[in-house]
Amino acid sequence: MPKQFQKNIEDLKCENCGKFVVGNGYTNHCPICLWSKHVDINPGDRLATCQGLMKPVGAEIGGGEENIVHECVKCGFVRKNKLCRGDDYKTFIAISIVRK
């Protein structure tokens, strides 16, 4: 059974766009560009050794939730993260458009 979520209150500087982000314990991506970082094996544990940037590659809307799909540019790991209040919704919509 995977570990349960571990809340970590920490601030971060987005390594993609440079935005300083004040963390609230659930913060796992930049609210401006929606990029993240591959730091967890299980949400909040900070045990991943990869440390690659996680590109927002898709958006999922359904069941009352809006999720960002992130893919690590270093190792290819994929994880969904909930869209948060204050996230740039235009960027979220832009990543939801299928590009061919």
N, C-alpha and C. Protein backbone atom coordinates (compact mmCIF):
# COMPACT_ATOMS: atom_id res chain seq x y z
N MET A 1 0.85 -1.19 0.00
CA MET A 1 0.00 0.00 0.00
C MET A 1 0.89 1.24 0.00
N PRO A 2 0.65 2.19 -0.93
CA PRO A 2 1.48 3.40 -0.98
C PRO A 2 1.27 4.28 0.26
N LYS A 3 2.32 5.03 0.57
CA LYS A 3 2.22 5.97 1.68
C LYS A 3 1.13 6.99 1.40
N GLN A 4 0.55 7.51 2.46
CA GLN A 4 -0.44 8.57 2.31
C GLN A 4 0.27 9.89 2.08
N PHE A 5 -0.49 10.85 1.58
CA PHE A 5 0.03 12.19 1.31
C PHE A 5 0.70 12.77 2.54
N GLN A 6 1.85 13.40 2.32
CA GLN A 6 2.56 14.09 3.39
C GLN A 6 2.57 15.58 3.08
N LYS A 7 1.98 16.37 3.95
CA LYS A 7 1.91 17.81 3.76
C LYS A 7 3.26 18.43 4.08
N ASN A 8 3.78 19.22 3.13
CA ASN A 8 5.04 19.94 3.30
C ASN A 8 4.82 21.40 2.94
N ILE A 9 4.95 22.28 3.92
CA ILE A 9 4.81 23.71 3.65
C ILE A 9 6.19 24.23 3.27
N GLU A 10 6.34 24.56 1.99
CA GLU A 10 7.62 25.07 1.51
C GLU A 10 7.38 25.99 0.31
N ASP A 11 8.16 27.05 0.26
CA ASP A 11 8.11 27.97 -0.86
C ASP A 11 9.01 27.43 -1.97
N LEU A 12 8.79 27.93 -3.20
CA LEU A 12 9.64 27.48 -4.29
C LEU A 12 9.81 28.57 -5.32
N LYS A 13 10.87 28.46 -6.08
CA LYS A 13 11.08 29.33 -7.23
C LYS A 13 10.94 28.43 -8.44
N CYS A 14 10.01 28.77 -9.33
CA CYS A 14 9.77 27.96 -10.51
C CYS A 14 11.04 27.91 -11.36
N GLU A 15 11.49 26.71 -11.66
CA GLU A 15 12.69 26.55 -12.46
C GLU A 15 12.40 26.71 -13.96
N ASN A 16 11.13 26.87 -14.33
CA ASN A 16 10.78 27.11 -15.72
C ASN A 16 10.65 28.60 -16.01
N CYS A 17 9.84 29.32 -15.22
CA CYS A 17 9.58 30.74 -15.52
C CYS A 17 10.18 31.71 -14.50
N GLY A 18 10.69 31.20 -13.37
CA GLY A 18 11.33 32.06 -12.37
C GLY A 18 10.42 32.66 -11.33
N LYS A 19 9.11 32.39 -11.41
CA LYS A 19 8.13 32.93 -10.45
C LYS A 19 8.42 32.39 -9.05
N PHE A 20 8.40 33.27 -8.03
CA PHE A 20 8.50 32.85 -6.64
C PHE A 20 7.11 32.47 -6.17
N VAL A 21 6.96 31.28 -5.62
CA VAL A 21 5.65 30.76 -5.21
C VAL A 21 5.66 30.48 -3.71
N VAL A 22 4.71 31.08 -2.99
CA VAL A 22 4.56 30.83 -1.56
C VAL A 22 3.75 29.55 -1.40
N GLY A 23 4.34 28.55 -0.76
CA GLY A 23 3.68 27.26 -0.59
C GLY A 23 2.66 27.26 0.53
N ASN A 24 1.69 26.34 0.42
CA ASN A 24 0.67 26.21 1.47
C ASN A 24 0.59 24.79 2.02
N GLY A 25 1.53 23.95 1.64
CA GLY A 25 1.52 22.56 2.09
C GLY A 25 0.97 21.61 1.04
N TYR A 26 0.31 22.18 0.06
CA TYR A 26 -0.24 21.38 -1.04
C TYR A 26 0.33 21.84 -2.38
N THR A 27 1.15 22.90 -2.36
CA THR A 27 1.70 23.49 -3.58
C THR A 27 2.66 22.51 -4.24
N ASN A 28 2.41 22.21 -5.52
CA ASN A 28 3.32 21.30 -6.21
C ASN A 28 3.61 21.75 -7.64
N HIS A 29 3.15 22.95 -8.01
CA HIS A 29 3.43 23.47 -9.34
C HIS A 29 3.31 24.98 -9.33
N CYS A 30 3.88 25.58 -10.36
CA CYS A 30 3.83 27.04 -10.51
C CYS A 30 2.43 27.46 -10.97
N PRO A 31 1.81 28.44 -10.33
CA PRO A 31 0.48 28.87 -10.73
C PRO A 31 0.45 29.67 -12.04
N ILE A 32 1.61 30.09 -12.52
CA ILE A 32 1.68 30.90 -13.74
C ILE A 32 1.85 30.00 -14.97
N CYS A 33 2.93 29.20 -15.00
CA CYS A 33 3.22 28.37 -16.18
C CYS A 33 2.77 26.92 -16.00
N LEU A 34 2.38 26.55 -14.78
CA LEU A 34 1.88 25.22 -14.40
C LEU A 34 2.94 24.12 -14.43
N TRP A 35 4.22 24.47 -14.58
CA TRP A 35 5.28 23.47 -14.53
C TRP A 35 5.49 23.04 -13.08
N SER A 36 6.03 21.84 -12.92
CA SER A 36 6.29 21.27 -11.60
C SER A 36 7.71 20.72 -11.60
N LYS A 37 8.04 19.97 -10.56
CA LYS A 37 9.36 19.33 -10.46
C LYS A 37 9.17 17.93 -9.91
N HIS A 38 9.91 16.98 -10.44
CA HIS A 38 9.81 15.58 -10.04
C HIS A 38 10.58 15.37 -8.73
N VAL A 39 9.88 15.62 -7.62
CA VAL A 39 10.51 15.52 -6.30
C VAL A 39 9.92 14.41 -5.44
N ASP A 40 8.75 13.89 -5.82
CA ASP A 40 8.07 12.90 -4.97
C ASP A 40 7.96 11.54 -5.65
N ILE A 41 8.07 10.49 -4.83
CA ILE A 41 7.68 9.16 -5.27
C ILE A 41 6.19 9.02 -4.98
N ASN A 42 5.82 9.29 -3.73
CA ASN A 42 4.42 9.39 -3.32
C ASN A 42 4.20 10.85 -2.93
N PRO A 43 3.02 11.41 -3.24
CA PRO A 43 2.78 12.83 -3.01
C PRO A 43 3.23 13.34 -1.64
N GLY A 44 4.15 14.31 -1.67
CA GLY A 44 4.62 14.96 -0.45
C GLY A 44 5.82 14.34 0.21
N ASP A 45 6.32 13.19 -0.28
CA ASP A 45 7.41 12.53 0.44
C ASP A 45 8.80 13.07 0.11
N ARG A 46 8.96 13.77 -0.99
CA ARG A 46 10.23 14.38 -1.43
C ARG A 46 11.35 13.34 -1.55
N LEU A 47 11.03 12.11 -1.95
CA LEU A 47 12.01 11.03 -2.04
C LEU A 47 12.49 10.72 -3.45
N ALA A 48 11.96 11.39 -4.47
CA ALA A 48 12.41 11.13 -5.83
C ALA A 48 13.81 11.70 -6.04
N THR A 49 14.67 10.91 -6.63
CA THR A 49 16.03 11.36 -6.89
C THR A 49 16.17 12.02 -8.26
N CYS A 50 15.17 11.90 -9.12
CA CYS A 50 15.22 12.42 -10.48
C CYS A 50 15.44 13.93 -10.50
N GLN A 51 14.56 14.68 -9.85
CA GLN A 51 14.62 16.15 -9.77
C GLN A 51 14.45 16.85 -11.11
N GLY A 52 13.92 16.14 -12.13
CA GLY A 52 13.67 16.75 -13.43
C GLY A 52 12.47 17.67 -13.41
N LEU A 53 12.39 18.56 -14.38
CA LEU A 53 11.22 19.43 -14.51
C LEU A 53 10.06 18.63 -15.07
N MET A 54 8.86 18.94 -14.58
CA MET A 54 7.64 18.26 -15.00
C MET A 54 6.84 19.24 -15.87
N LYS A 55 6.77 18.93 -17.17
CA LYS A 55 6.08 19.77 -18.13
C LYS A 55 4.58 19.49 -18.10
N PRO A 56 3.74 20.54 -18.09
CA PRO A 56 2.30 20.31 -18.20
C PRO A 56 1.97 19.90 -19.63
N VAL A 57 1.55 18.64 -19.80
CA VAL A 57 1.34 18.11 -21.16
C VAL A 57 -0.13 17.87 -21.48
N GLY A 58 -1.00 18.04 -20.50
CA GLY A 58 -2.42 17.82 -20.76
C GLY A 58 -3.26 18.28 -19.60
N ALA A 59 -4.56 18.30 -19.85
CA ALA A 59 -5.53 18.71 -18.85
C ALA A 59 -6.69 17.73 -18.88
N GLU A 60 -7.19 17.40 -17.72
CA GLU A 60 -8.35 16.52 -17.61
C GLU A 60 -9.42 17.21 -16.78
N ILE A 61 -10.63 17.23 -17.32
CA ILE A 61 -11.76 17.82 -16.62
C ILE A 61 -12.85 16.77 -16.54
N GLY A 62 -13.28 16.45 -15.33
CA GLY A 62 -14.34 15.47 -15.18
C GLY A 62 -14.53 15.08 -13.73
N GLY A 63 -15.71 14.61 -13.41
CA GLY A 63 -16.00 14.18 -12.05
C GLY A 63 -15.86 15.29 -11.03
N GLY A 64 -16.07 16.53 -11.46
CA GLY A 64 -15.96 17.65 -10.53
C GLY A 64 -14.52 18.08 -10.25
N GLU A 65 -13.55 17.51 -10.97
CA GLU A 65 -12.14 17.86 -10.76
C GLU A 65 -11.51 18.36 -12.05
N GLU A 66 -10.51 19.19 -11.88
CA GLU A 66 -9.68 19.65 -13.00
C GLU A 66 -8.24 19.29 -12.65
N ASN A 67 -7.62 18.49 -13.52
CA ASN A 67 -6.26 18.02 -13.26
C ASN A 67 -5.31 18.41 -14.36
N ILE A 68 -4.10 18.75 -13.95
CA ILE A 68 -3.00 19.00 -14.87
C ILE A 68 -2.25 17.67 -15.00
N VAL A 69 -1.93 17.28 -16.20
CA VAL A 69 -1.12 16.09 -16.42
C VAL A 69 0.31 16.58 -16.66
N HIS A 70 1.23 16.13 -15.79
CA HIS A 70 2.63 16.50 -15.89
C HIS A 70 3.45 15.31 -16.36
N GLU A 71 4.45 15.58 -17.20
CA GLU A 71 5.39 14.55 -17.63
C GLU A 71 6.81 15.06 -17.38
N CYS A 72 7.62 14.25 -16.72
CA CYS A 72 8.99 14.63 -16.41
C CYS A 72 9.81 14.64 -17.70
N VAL A 73 10.49 15.76 -17.96
CA VAL A 73 11.28 15.89 -19.18
C VAL A 73 12.59 15.11 -19.07
N LYS A 74 12.94 14.67 -17.87
CA LYS A 74 14.18 13.93 -17.67
C LYS A 74 13.98 12.42 -17.76
N CYS A 75 12.91 11.90 -17.10
CA CYS A 75 12.74 10.44 -17.03
C CYS A 75 11.42 9.94 -17.63
N GLY A 76 10.50 10.85 -17.97
CA GLY A 76 9.24 10.45 -18.58
C GLY A 76 8.12 10.09 -17.62
N PHE A 77 8.35 10.18 -16.31
CA PHE A 77 7.33 9.88 -15.30
C PHE A 77 6.13 10.80 -15.51
N VAL A 78 4.92 10.24 -15.39
CA VAL A 78 3.69 11.01 -15.57
C VAL A 78 2.88 10.99 -14.28
N ARG A 79 2.36 12.16 -13.90
CA ARG A 79 1.52 12.28 -12.70
C ARG A 79 0.47 13.36 -12.94
N LYS A 80 -0.70 13.15 -12.36
CA LYS A 80 -1.77 14.17 -12.39
C LYS A 80 -1.72 14.98 -11.11
N ASN A 81 -1.99 16.27 -11.23
CA ASN A 81 -2.06 17.17 -10.09
C ASN A 81 -3.31 18.04 -10.22
N LYS A 82 -3.97 18.26 -9.11
CA LYS A 82 -5.19 19.08 -9.14
C LYS A 82 -4.87 20.53 -9.47
N LEU A 83 -5.71 21.12 -10.31
CA LEU A 83 -5.64 22.55 -10.57
C LEU A 83 -6.03 23.25 -9.28
N CYS A 84 -5.30 24.28 -8.92
CA CYS A 84 -5.54 24.99 -7.66
C CYS A 84 -6.14 26.36 -7.91
N ARG A 85 -6.85 26.85 -6.91
CA ARG A 85 -7.36 28.22 -6.97
C ARG A 85 -6.14 29.14 -7.12
N GLY A 86 -6.22 30.06 -8.04
CA GLY A 86 -5.10 30.96 -8.29
C GLY A 86 -4.23 30.53 -9.45
N ASP A 87 -4.41 29.31 -9.96
CA ASP A 87 -3.66 28.86 -11.13
C ASP A 87 -4.17 29.60 -12.37
N ASP A 88 -3.29 29.83 -13.31
CA ASP A 88 -3.65 30.53 -14.54
C ASP A 88 -4.54 29.63 -15.39
N TYR A 89 -5.83 29.96 -15.45
CA TYR A 89 -6.79 29.10 -16.14
C TYR A 89 -6.60 29.14 -17.65
N LYS A 90 -6.13 30.26 -18.17
CA LYS A 90 -5.87 30.33 -19.62
C LYS A 90 -4.76 29.35 -20.01
N THR A 91 -3.75 29.23 -19.17
CA THR A 91 -2.68 28.27 -19.44
C THR A 91 -3.22 26.85 -19.35
N PHE A 92 -4.09 26.60 -18.38
CA PHE A 92 -4.71 25.28 -18.24
C PHE A 92 -5.50 24.91 -19.49
N ILE A 93 -6.30 25.84 -19.97
CA ILE A 93 -7.08 25.60 -21.19
C ILE A 93 -6.16 25.38 -22.38
N ALA A 94 -5.09 26.15 -22.47
CA ALA A 94 -4.14 26.03 -23.58
C ALA A 94 -3.51 24.63 -23.63
N ILE A 95 -3.19 24.05 -22.47
CA ILE A 95 -2.59 22.71 -22.49
C ILE A 95 -3.61 21.63 -22.73
N SER A 96 -4.90 21.99 -22.64
CA SER A 96 -5.94 20.99 -22.89
C SER A 96 -6.23 20.82 -24.37
N ILE A 97 -5.75 21.75 -25.17
CA ILE A 97 -5.97 21.68 -26.62
C ILE A 97 -5.01 20.66 -27.22
N VAL A 98 -5.56 19.70 -27.95
CA VAL A 98 -4.75 18.65 -28.55
C VAL A 98 -3.97 19.25 -29.71
N ARG A 99 -2.65 19.06 -29.65
CA ARG A 99 -1.78 19.54 -30.73
C ARG A 99 -1.35 18.35 -31.56
N LYS A 100 -1.45 18.49 -32.89
CA LYS A 100 -1.05 17.41 -33.79
C LYS A 100 0.13 17.81 -34.62
